[in-house]
Amino acid sequence: MNAPDFGAIYERYAPDVLRFATFLTGSRTEAEDITSETFVRAWTSAGAIRVGTVKAYLFMIARNLHVDRQRELARRGPFAADPADPAPRHDTVFDRRDELARVLAALQTLPEIDRAALLMRADEGLAYEDIAAALGLTVTAARVKVHRARLRLAEIATRQEES
């Protein structure tokens, strides 16, 4: 059996993993770190892929890395200040940067697992079966998580429009 071509896997899925990690974390710098580590872990993994697609497998790794980082931050306590990302951001070029900032902030208010499920479905178009496998949920629970996350974001948007 031929070994997978990790160069091709990286080229195909790195932008998706980076976007997913950016929405999960709210930080481009942290998302880049998670993306890199995701592909290192996929490359060095000795076990078989336990989810339906490579994309879902990579998202599962990225989410687990994010959860591990959050646990580590909670254990250490918050930093005094979050340093600004020195890289130029693409969203600053566009007129809709304020809307993007509001969406990212709203996403950060969701429970992590709900945010992950919603992003896998809405942004990446994964099937509920793949989402369930990646998050360790039943298919029904994955559907409920996505639905509740959408409702919560709609509530936040309504409140923002009213104020």
N, C-alpha and C. Protein backbone atom coordinates (compact mmCIF):
# COMPACT_ATOMS: atom_id res chain seq x y z
N MET A 1 0.85 -1.18 0.00
CA MET A 1 0.00 0.00 0.00
C MET A 1 0.89 1.24 0.00
N ASN A 2 0.54 2.22 -0.81
CA ASN A 2 1.33 3.45 -0.91
C ASN A 2 1.07 4.36 0.28
N ALA A 3 2.12 5.03 0.71
CA ALA A 3 1.99 6.01 1.80
C ALA A 3 1.27 7.24 1.26
N PRO A 4 0.49 7.92 2.10
CA PRO A 4 -0.20 9.12 1.63
C PRO A 4 0.79 10.23 1.27
N ASP A 5 0.43 11.02 0.30
CA ASP A 5 1.26 12.15 -0.12
C ASP A 5 0.92 13.35 0.77
N PHE A 6 1.72 13.54 1.83
CA PHE A 6 1.41 14.59 2.80
C PHE A 6 1.55 15.98 2.21
N GLY A 7 2.42 16.13 1.21
CA GLY A 7 2.51 17.43 0.54
C GLY A 7 1.20 17.80 -0.11
N ALA A 8 0.59 16.86 -0.78
CA ALA A 8 -0.70 17.11 -1.44
C ALA A 8 -1.80 17.32 -0.40
N ILE A 9 -1.76 16.55 0.67
CA ILE A 9 -2.76 16.71 1.74
C ILE A 9 -2.63 18.11 2.35
N TYR A 10 -1.39 18.53 2.60
CA TYR A 10 -1.18 19.86 3.18
C TYR A 10 -1.68 20.94 2.22
N GLU A 11 -1.31 20.86 0.97
CA GLU A 11 -1.73 21.88 -0.01
C GLU A 11 -3.25 21.97 -0.10
N ARG A 12 -3.90 20.83 -0.05
CA ARG A 12 -5.36 20.81 -0.21
C ARG A 12 -6.09 21.30 1.03
N TYR A 13 -5.63 20.91 2.23
CA TYR A 13 -6.40 21.15 3.44
C TYR A 13 -5.86 22.24 4.37
N ALA A 14 -4.65 22.70 4.18
CA ALA A 14 -4.08 23.71 5.10
C ALA A 14 -4.94 24.98 5.17
N PRO A 15 -5.40 25.52 4.04
CA PRO A 15 -6.24 26.73 4.15
C PRO A 15 -7.52 26.49 4.96
N ASP A 16 -8.12 25.31 4.79
CA ASP A 16 -9.35 24.99 5.53
C ASP A 16 -9.06 24.86 7.03
N VAL A 17 -7.97 24.18 7.37
CA VAL A 17 -7.62 24.01 8.78
C VAL A 17 -7.29 25.36 9.40
N LEU A 18 -6.56 26.21 8.66
CA LEU A 18 -6.22 27.54 9.17
C LEU A 18 -7.47 28.37 9.41
N ARG A 19 -8.40 28.36 8.48
CA ARG A 19 -9.65 29.12 8.64
C ARG A 19 -10.43 28.59 9.84
N PHE A 20 -10.54 27.28 9.96
CA PHE A 20 -11.24 26.65 11.08
C PHE A 20 -10.59 27.05 12.40
N ALA A 21 -9.27 26.96 12.46
CA ALA A 21 -8.55 27.31 13.70
C ALA A 21 -8.67 28.80 14.02
N THR A 22 -8.70 29.64 13.00
CA THR A 22 -8.85 31.08 13.23
C THR A 22 -10.21 31.38 13.86
N PHE A 23 -11.25 30.75 13.34
CA PHE A 23 -12.57 30.96 13.91
C PHE A 23 -12.68 30.36 15.31
N LEU A 24 -12.00 29.24 15.54
CA LEU A 24 -12.02 28.64 16.87
C LEU A 24 -11.35 29.53 17.91
N THR A 25 -10.19 30.07 17.54
CA THR A 25 -9.36 30.78 18.51
C THR A 25 -9.60 32.28 18.53
N GLY A 26 -10.00 32.85 17.39
CA GLY A 26 -10.12 34.30 17.28
C GLY A 26 -8.77 34.97 17.09
N SER A 27 -7.71 34.20 16.89
CA SER A 27 -6.36 34.74 16.76
C SER A 27 -5.65 34.09 15.58
N ARG A 28 -5.23 34.91 14.64
CA ARG A 28 -4.53 34.38 13.46
C ARG A 28 -3.21 33.70 13.87
N THR A 29 -2.48 34.29 14.78
CA THR A 29 -1.21 33.73 15.21
C THR A 29 -1.40 32.37 15.85
N GLU A 30 -2.34 32.26 16.77
CA GLU A 30 -2.60 30.98 17.41
C GLU A 30 -3.11 29.96 16.40
N ALA A 31 -3.92 30.41 15.46
CA ALA A 31 -4.45 29.52 14.43
C ALA A 31 -3.32 28.96 13.56
N GLU A 32 -2.34 29.79 13.25
CA GLU A 32 -1.20 29.31 12.46
C GLU A 32 -0.42 28.24 13.23
N ASP A 33 -0.24 28.46 14.53
CA ASP A 33 0.44 27.46 15.36
C ASP A 33 -0.34 26.14 15.38
N ILE A 34 -1.63 26.24 15.56
CA ILE A 34 -2.47 25.04 15.60
C ILE A 34 -2.45 24.32 14.26
N THR A 35 -2.50 25.07 13.18
CA THR A 35 -2.47 24.47 11.85
C THR A 35 -1.17 23.70 11.64
N SER A 36 -0.06 24.32 11.99
CA SER A 36 1.23 23.64 11.84
C SER A 36 1.28 22.36 12.66
N GLU A 37 0.87 22.47 13.91
CA GLU A 37 0.91 21.31 14.79
C GLU A 37 -0.05 20.23 14.33
N THR A 38 -1.17 20.61 13.75
CA THR A 38 -2.14 19.63 13.23
C THR A 38 -1.48 18.75 12.17
N PHE A 39 -0.77 19.37 11.25
CA PHE A 39 -0.15 18.59 10.18
C PHE A 39 1.05 17.78 10.68
N VAL A 40 1.75 18.28 11.67
CA VAL A 40 2.83 17.50 12.27
C VAL A 40 2.25 16.24 12.92
N ARG A 41 1.17 16.42 13.65
CA ARG A 41 0.54 15.26 14.32
C ARG A 41 -0.02 14.27 13.31
N ALA A 42 -0.62 14.78 12.24
CA ALA A 42 -1.15 13.88 11.21
C ALA A 42 -0.01 13.11 10.54
N TRP A 43 1.10 13.78 10.30
CA TRP A 43 2.25 13.17 9.64
C TRP A 43 2.85 12.06 10.50
N THR A 44 2.96 12.33 11.79
CA THR A 44 3.64 11.40 12.69
C THR A 44 2.71 10.37 13.32
N SER A 45 1.43 10.44 13.04
CA SER A 45 0.46 9.53 13.62
C SER A 45 0.67 8.12 13.09
N ALA A 46 0.74 7.17 14.01
CA ALA A 46 0.92 5.78 13.62
C ALA A 46 -0.42 5.07 13.45
N GLY A 47 -1.46 5.62 14.05
CA GLY A 47 -2.77 4.97 14.01
C GLY A 47 -3.53 5.27 12.74
N ALA A 48 -4.55 4.49 12.51
CA ALA A 48 -5.41 4.69 11.35
C ALA A 48 -6.38 5.84 11.61
N ILE A 49 -6.82 6.47 10.54
CA ILE A 49 -7.80 7.54 10.65
C ILE A 49 -9.13 6.92 11.07
N ARG A 50 -9.73 7.47 12.14
CA ARG A 50 -10.95 6.89 12.69
C ARG A 50 -12.21 7.65 12.28
N VAL A 51 -12.07 8.66 11.48
CA VAL A 51 -13.25 9.40 11.04
C VAL A 51 -13.39 9.25 9.53
N GLY A 52 -14.52 9.68 9.00
CA GLY A 52 -14.86 9.41 7.61
C GLY A 52 -13.99 10.07 6.56
N THR A 53 -13.47 11.27 6.84
CA THR A 53 -12.71 11.98 5.82
C THR A 53 -11.41 12.52 6.40
N VAL A 54 -10.47 12.79 5.53
CA VAL A 54 -9.21 13.39 5.95
C VAL A 54 -9.47 14.77 6.56
N LYS A 55 -10.38 15.52 5.96
CA LYS A 55 -10.69 16.86 6.44
C LYS A 55 -11.24 16.80 7.87
N ALA A 56 -12.17 15.89 8.12
CA ALA A 56 -12.72 15.75 9.47
C ALA A 56 -11.64 15.33 10.44
N TYR A 57 -10.74 14.46 10.01
CA TYR A 57 -9.64 14.01 10.86
C TYR A 57 -8.74 15.20 11.23
N LEU A 58 -8.41 16.03 10.26
CA LEU A 58 -7.57 17.19 10.53
C LEU A 58 -8.28 18.18 11.44
N PHE A 59 -9.58 18.39 11.25
CA PHE A 59 -10.34 19.28 12.13
C PHE A 59 -10.39 18.72 13.55
N MET A 60 -10.49 17.40 13.67
CA MET A 60 -10.51 16.79 14.99
C MET A 60 -9.18 17.06 15.71
N ILE A 61 -8.08 16.91 14.99
CA ILE A 61 -6.76 17.19 15.58
C ILE A 61 -6.67 18.66 15.98
N ALA A 62 -7.08 19.57 15.08
CA ALA A 62 -7.00 21.00 15.36
C ALA A 62 -7.84 21.37 16.57
N ARG A 63 -9.03 20.84 16.64
CA ARG A 63 -9.89 21.14 17.79
C ARG A 63 -9.29 20.61 19.08
N ASN A 64 -8.76 19.40 19.05
CA ASN A 64 -8.15 18.84 20.25
C ASN A 64 -6.95 19.68 20.68
N LEU A 65 -6.17 20.17 19.74
CA LEU A 65 -5.05 21.06 20.09
C LEU A 65 -5.56 22.34 20.74
N HIS A 66 -6.63 22.90 20.18
CA HIS A 66 -7.23 24.12 20.76
C HIS A 66 -7.71 23.86 22.18
N VAL A 67 -8.41 22.75 22.38
CA VAL A 67 -8.91 22.42 23.72
C VAL A 67 -7.74 22.25 24.69
N ASP A 68 -6.69 21.56 24.25
CA ASP A 68 -5.51 21.38 25.10
C ASP A 68 -4.88 22.72 25.47
N ARG A 69 -4.80 23.64 24.52
CA ARG A 69 -4.24 24.97 24.79
C ARG A 69 -5.10 25.74 25.77
N GLN A 70 -6.42 25.63 25.63
CA GLN A 70 -7.33 26.32 26.55
C GLN A 70 -7.17 25.78 27.97
N ARG A 71 -7.03 24.48 28.09
CA ARG A 71 -6.82 23.88 29.41
C ARG A 71 -5.51 24.38 30.01
N GLU A 72 -4.47 24.44 29.20
CA GLU A 72 -3.17 24.91 29.68
C GLU A 72 -3.25 26.37 30.12
N LEU A 73 -3.94 27.20 29.34
CA LEU A 73 -4.11 28.60 29.72
C LEU A 73 -4.90 28.74 31.01
N ALA A 74 -5.92 27.93 31.16
CA ALA A 74 -6.72 27.98 32.38
C ALA A 74 -5.90 27.56 33.58
N ARG A 75 -5.02 26.61 33.38
CA ARG A 75 -4.18 26.13 34.48
C ARG A 75 -3.15 27.19 34.86
N ARG A 76 -2.60 27.88 33.88
CA ARG A 76 -1.57 28.90 34.14
C ARG A 76 -2.16 30.22 34.57
N GLY A 77 -3.36 30.53 34.13
CA GLY A 77 -3.96 31.83 34.40
C GLY A 77 -3.77 32.74 33.20
N PRO A 78 -4.52 33.83 33.14
CA PRO A 78 -4.46 34.72 31.98
C PRO A 78 -3.16 35.52 31.93
N PHE A 79 -2.79 35.88 30.71
CA PHE A 79 -1.64 36.76 30.52
C PHE A 79 -2.07 38.19 30.79
N ALA A 80 -1.10 39.04 31.08
CA ALA A 80 -1.39 40.44 31.37
C ALA A 80 -2.01 41.13 30.16
N ALA A 81 -1.48 40.85 29.00
CA ALA A 81 -2.01 41.46 27.77
C ALA A 81 -1.74 40.52 26.61
N ASP A 82 -2.65 40.51 25.66
CA ASP A 82 -2.48 39.70 24.46
C ASP A 82 -1.73 40.56 23.44
N PRO A 83 -0.50 40.19 23.09
CA PRO A 83 0.25 41.02 22.15
C PRO A 83 -0.44 41.07 20.79
N ALA A 84 -0.34 42.19 20.16
CA ALA A 84 -0.96 42.36 18.85
C ALA A 84 -0.21 41.54 17.81
N ASP A 85 -0.94 41.03 16.85
CA ASP A 85 -0.35 40.27 15.76
C ASP A 85 0.37 41.25 14.85
N PRO A 86 1.71 41.10 14.64
CA PRO A 86 2.44 42.06 13.83
C PRO A 86 2.18 41.91 12.34
N ALA A 87 1.64 40.79 11.92
CA ALA A 87 1.40 40.57 10.49
C ALA A 87 0.22 41.41 10.02
N PRO A 88 0.30 41.94 8.82
CA PRO A 88 -0.85 42.69 8.32
C PRO A 88 -2.03 41.75 8.14
N ARG A 89 -3.18 42.20 8.53
CA ARG A 89 -4.38 41.38 8.42
C ARG A 89 -5.16 41.77 7.17
N HIS A 90 -5.61 40.74 6.48
CA HIS A 90 -6.37 40.98 5.25
C HIS A 90 -7.69 41.67 5.51
N ASP A 91 -8.31 41.37 6.65
CA ASP A 91 -9.63 41.94 6.91
C ASP A 91 -9.58 43.45 7.14
N THR A 92 -8.38 44.00 7.47
CA THR A 92 -8.29 45.44 7.66
C THR A 92 -8.40 46.19 6.34
N VAL A 93 -8.16 45.49 5.25
CA VAL A 93 -8.23 46.10 3.94
C VAL A 93 -9.68 46.30 3.50
N PHE A 94 -10.55 45.48 3.97
CA PHE A 94 -11.93 45.51 3.51
C PHE A 94 -12.80 46.39 4.41
N ASP A 95 -13.85 46.92 3.82
CA ASP A 95 -14.78 47.77 4.55
C ASP A 95 -15.57 47.01 5.61
N ARG A 96 -15.62 45.71 5.50
CA ARG A 96 -16.46 44.94 6.41
C ARG A 96 -15.69 44.39 7.61
N ARG A 97 -14.58 44.99 7.93
CA ARG A 97 -13.78 44.48 9.05
C ARG A 97 -14.51 44.57 10.38
N ASP A 98 -15.35 45.57 10.54
CA ASP A 98 -16.12 45.68 11.78
C ASP A 98 -17.10 44.51 11.92
N GLU A 99 -17.72 44.15 10.81
CA GLU A 99 -18.65 43.02 10.83
C GLU A 99 -17.90 41.72 11.14
N LEU A 100 -16.74 41.56 10.54
CA LEU A 100 -15.93 40.38 10.82
C LEU A 100 -15.55 40.32 12.29
N ALA A 101 -15.17 41.44 12.86
CA ALA A 101 -14.81 41.48 14.27
C ALA A 101 -16.00 41.10 15.15
N ARG A 102 -17.19 41.58 14.79
CA ARG A 102 -18.39 41.23 15.56
C ARG A 102 -18.70 39.74 15.47
N VAL A 103 -18.54 39.17 14.27
CA VAL A 103 -18.80 37.75 14.09
C VAL A 103 -17.80 36.92 14.90
N LEU A 104 -16.53 37.29 14.83
CA LEU A 104 -15.51 36.56 15.60
C LEU A 104 -15.78 36.67 17.10
N ALA A 105 -16.16 37.85 17.55
CA ALA A 105 -16.47 38.03 18.97
C ALA A 105 -17.69 37.19 19.36
N ALA A 106 -18.70 37.17 18.51
CA ALA A 106 -19.90 36.38 18.80
C ALA A 106 -19.56 34.89 18.83
N LEU A 107 -18.72 34.44 17.91
CA LEU A 107 -18.30 33.04 17.90
C LEU A 107 -17.59 32.67 19.20
N GLN A 108 -16.81 33.59 19.73
CA GLN A 108 -16.06 33.31 20.95
C GLN A 108 -16.97 33.16 22.17
N THR A 109 -18.21 33.65 22.09
CA THR A 109 -19.13 33.52 23.22
C THR A 109 -19.78 32.14 23.27
N LEU A 110 -19.69 31.40 22.17
CA LEU A 110 -20.28 30.06 22.13
C LEU A 110 -19.41 29.07 22.90
N PRO A 111 -20.02 28.06 23.50
CA PRO A 111 -19.20 26.98 24.07
C PRO A 111 -18.32 26.39 22.97
N GLU A 112 -17.13 25.99 23.33
CA GLU A 112 -16.14 25.55 22.34
C GLU A 112 -16.66 24.44 21.45
N ILE A 113 -17.32 23.45 22.00
CA ILE A 113 -17.79 22.32 21.19
C ILE A 113 -18.89 22.76 20.23
N ASP A 114 -19.75 23.70 20.66
CA ASP A 114 -20.79 24.23 19.78
C ASP A 114 -20.15 25.02 18.64
N ARG A 115 -19.15 25.83 18.97
CA ARG A 115 -18.44 26.62 17.96
C ARG A 115 -17.78 25.70 16.94
N ALA A 116 -17.12 24.64 17.41
CA ALA A 116 -16.46 23.70 16.51
C ALA A 116 -17.47 23.02 15.59
N ALA A 117 -18.58 22.57 16.16
CA ALA A 117 -19.61 21.90 15.35
C ALA A 117 -20.17 22.85 14.29
N LEU A 118 -20.48 24.08 14.70
CA LEU A 118 -21.02 25.06 13.76
C LEU A 118 -20.04 25.36 12.64
N LEU A 119 -18.79 25.56 12.98
CA LEU A 119 -17.79 25.88 11.96
C LEU A 119 -17.58 24.71 11.00
N MET A 120 -17.56 23.51 11.53
CA MET A 120 -17.39 22.35 10.66
C MET A 120 -18.54 22.24 9.67
N ARG A 121 -19.75 22.58 10.13
CA ARG A 121 -20.92 22.47 9.26
C ARG A 121 -21.07 23.68 8.34
N ALA A 122 -21.08 24.87 8.90
CA ALA A 122 -21.39 26.07 8.12
C ALA A 122 -20.23 26.53 7.25
N ASP A 123 -19.04 26.53 7.81
CA ASP A 123 -17.89 27.05 7.06
C ASP A 123 -17.26 25.99 6.17
N GLU A 124 -17.24 24.75 6.63
CA GLU A 124 -16.54 23.70 5.90
C GLU A 124 -17.47 22.73 5.19
N GLY A 125 -18.75 22.76 5.52
CA GLY A 125 -19.72 21.91 4.84
C GLY A 125 -19.60 20.43 5.15
N LEU A 126 -19.04 20.10 6.30
CA LEU A 126 -18.92 18.68 6.66
C LEU A 126 -20.29 18.08 6.96
N ALA A 127 -20.42 16.81 6.68
CA ALA A 127 -21.64 16.07 7.00
C ALA A 127 -21.75 15.92 8.51
N TYR A 128 -22.98 15.82 9.00
CA TYR A 128 -23.19 15.66 10.43
C TYR A 128 -22.50 14.40 10.95
N GLU A 129 -22.43 13.36 10.13
CA GLU A 129 -21.76 12.13 10.53
C GLU A 129 -20.28 12.39 10.79
N ASP A 130 -19.63 13.18 9.93
CA ASP A 130 -18.21 13.51 10.10
C ASP A 130 -18.00 14.41 11.31
N ILE A 131 -18.91 15.35 11.51
CA ILE A 131 -18.83 16.23 12.68
C ILE A 131 -18.95 15.40 13.95
N ALA A 132 -19.92 14.51 13.96
CA ALA A 132 -20.13 13.66 15.13
C ALA A 132 -18.88 12.83 15.43
N ALA A 133 -18.29 12.25 14.40
CA ALA A 133 -17.08 11.43 14.59
C ALA A 133 -15.92 12.28 15.09
N ALA A 134 -15.76 13.47 14.52
CA ALA A 134 -14.64 14.33 14.90
C ALA A 134 -14.77 14.84 16.33
N LEU A 135 -16.00 15.05 16.80
CA LEU A 135 -16.22 15.61 18.13
C LEU A 135 -16.59 14.56 19.18
N GLY A 136 -16.71 13.31 18.75
CA GLY A 136 -17.07 12.25 19.70
C GLY A 136 -18.51 12.35 20.17
N LEU A 137 -19.41 12.71 19.26
CA LEU A 137 -20.82 12.87 19.58
C LEU A 137 -21.66 11.92 18.75
N THR A 138 -22.93 11.81 19.09
CA THR A 138 -23.86 11.12 18.20
C THR A 138 -24.23 12.09 17.08
N VAL A 139 -24.77 11.58 16.01
CA VAL A 139 -25.19 12.44 14.90
C VAL A 139 -26.28 13.39 15.37
N THR A 140 -27.20 12.92 16.17
CA THR A 140 -28.26 13.77 16.70
C THR A 140 -27.69 14.90 17.55
N ALA A 141 -26.73 14.57 18.40
CA ALA A 141 -26.11 15.60 19.25
C ALA A 141 -25.38 16.63 18.39
N ALA A 142 -24.73 16.19 17.33
CA ALA A 142 -24.04 17.13 16.43
C ALA A 142 -25.05 18.08 15.79
N ARG A 143 -26.18 17.56 15.36
CA ARG A 143 -27.22 18.41 14.77
C ARG A 143 -27.73 19.43 15.79
N VAL A 144 -27.94 18.98 17.01
CA VAL A 144 -28.43 19.87 18.07
C VAL A 144 -27.40 20.96 18.36
N LYS A 145 -26.14 20.61 18.44
CA LYS A 145 -25.08 21.60 18.71
C LYS A 145 -25.07 22.68 17.63
N VAL A 146 -25.15 22.27 16.37
CA VAL A 146 -25.15 23.23 15.26
C VAL A 146 -26.38 24.12 15.34
N HIS A 147 -27.52 23.53 15.57
CA HIS A 147 -28.77 24.30 15.64
C HIS A 147 -28.72 25.32 16.78
N ARG A 148 -28.31 24.89 17.95
CA ARG A 148 -28.25 25.81 19.09
C ARG A 148 -27.23 26.91 18.88
N ALA A 149 -26.11 26.59 18.25
CA ALA A 149 -25.11 27.62 17.97
C ALA A 149 -25.66 28.66 17.00
N ARG A 150 -26.40 28.22 16.00
CA ARG A 150 -27.00 29.16 15.05
C ARG A 150 -28.02 30.06 15.75
N LEU A 151 -28.83 29.47 16.61
CA LEU A 151 -29.81 30.27 17.36
C LEU A 151 -29.12 31.31 18.24
N ARG A 152 -28.05 30.91 18.91
CA ARG A 152 -27.32 31.83 19.79
C ARG A 152 -26.72 32.98 18.99
N LEU A 153 -26.13 32.68 17.83
CA LEU A 153 -25.56 33.75 17.00
C LEU A 153 -26.65 34.68 16.49
N ALA A 154 -27.81 34.13 16.16
CA ALA A 154 -28.93 34.97 15.72
C ALA A 154 -29.39 35.90 16.84
N GLU A 155 -29.43 35.39 18.08
CA GLU A 155 -29.79 36.22 19.23
C GLU A 155 -28.80 37.36 19.42
N ILE A 156 -27.52 37.05 19.30
CA ILE A 156 -26.48 38.06 19.46
C ILE A 156 -26.61 39.12 18.37
N ALA A 157 -26.84 38.69 17.14
CA ALA A 157 -26.99 39.64 16.03
C ALA A 157 -28.20 40.54 16.24
N THR A 158 -29.29 39.99 16.73
CA THR A 158 -30.50 40.78 16.99
C THR A 158 -30.22 41.83 18.06
N ARG A 159 -29.55 41.42 19.13
CA ARG A 159 -29.21 42.38 20.19
C ARG A 159 -28.30 43.49 19.68
N GLN A 160 -27.36 43.15 18.81
CA GLN A 160 -26.45 44.17 18.27
C GLN A 160 -27.18 45.15 17.37
N GLU A 161 -28.15 44.65 16.61
CA GLU A 161 -28.93 45.52 15.74
C GLU A 161 -29.81 46.47 16.55
N GLU A 162 -30.31 45.98 17.68
CA GLU A 162 -31.19 46.79 18.52
C GLU A 162 -30.42 47.88 19.28
N SER A 163 -29.14 47.66 19.51
CA SER A 163 -28.39 48.66 20.28
C SER A 163 -27.66 49.64 19.41
